[in-house]
Protein backbone atom coordinates (compact mmCIF):
# COMPACT_ATOMS: atom_id res chain seq x y z
CA MET A 1 -38.73 -12.78 47.58
CA THR A 2 -37.44 -10.85 50.32
CA PHE A 3 -39.38 -9.22 53.31
CA ALA A 4 -38.90 -5.65 51.98
CA ARG A 5 -40.51 -6.29 48.83
CA THR A 6 -43.72 -7.91 49.99
CA PRO A 7 -47.16 -5.95 49.85
CA ALA A 8 -47.59 -6.08 53.51
CA TYR A 9 -44.08 -4.45 54.05
CA ARG A 10 -44.66 -1.88 51.42
CA ARG A 11 -48.52 -0.92 53.21
CA HIS A 12 -46.61 -0.46 56.26
CA LEU A 13 -43.95 1.94 54.91
CA ALA A 14 -46.85 3.85 53.55
CA THR A 15 -48.96 4.40 56.45
CA THR A 16 -48.97 6.21 59.81
CA ARG A 17 -49.41 4.86 63.04
CA THR A 18 -53.17 5.40 62.63
CA GLY A 19 -53.16 3.15 59.34
CA ARG A 20 -53.72 6.05 57.41
CA ALA A 21 -52.13 6.58 53.97
CA ARG A 22 -49.49 9.14 53.59
CA GLY A 23 -50.02 10.62 50.37
CA SER A 24 -52.27 11.84 47.92
CA ILE A 25 -53.18 12.16 44.08
CA ARG A 26 -55.04 15.40 42.78
CA GLN A 27 -56.02 16.75 39.46
CA ARG A 28 -54.01 19.83 38.69
CA GLY A 29 -55.40 21.07 35.23
CA GLY A 30 -54.95 18.31 32.58
CA SER A 31 -52.42 16.10 34.59
CA LEU A 32 -52.34 14.47 38.05
CA GLN A 33 -49.98 15.52 40.74
CA VAL A 34 -48.80 12.47 42.90
CA ARG A 35 -47.41 13.30 46.39
CA ALA A 36 -45.99 10.52 48.69
CA PHE A 37 -44.72 10.46 52.31
CA SER A 38 -40.76 9.86 52.21
CA GLY A 39 -39.63 10.10 55.72
CA VAL A 40 -38.77 12.68 58.55
CA ASP A 41 -35.99 15.25 57.86
CA PRO A 42 -33.35 14.01 60.42
CA VAL A 43 -32.52 17.63 61.08
CA LEU A 44 -35.69 19.76 60.94
CA GLY A 45 -37.93 16.54 62.31
CA LYS A 46 -40.48 17.63 59.58
CA ASP A 47 -42.24 15.17 57.50
CA ARG A 48 -40.56 15.06 53.60
CA TYR A 49 -42.94 14.16 50.66
CA LEU A 50 -41.94 13.39 47.20
CA THR A 51 -44.24 15.02 44.43
CA ARG A 52 -44.36 14.28 40.77
CA THR A 53 -46.83 15.57 38.22
CA VAL A 54 -48.00 12.95 35.54
């Protein structure tokens, strides 16, 4: 197993410097919306999030 696939590394990528998770799951009607941090936009410097409804 490479370092990039370890649970500790994935947790590191999914948290901020304060240790809080960067994402959310919320109920939208009869489905769930999942939002996860995907990095910082290199041009604008704003946080980017991936959003999926399941």
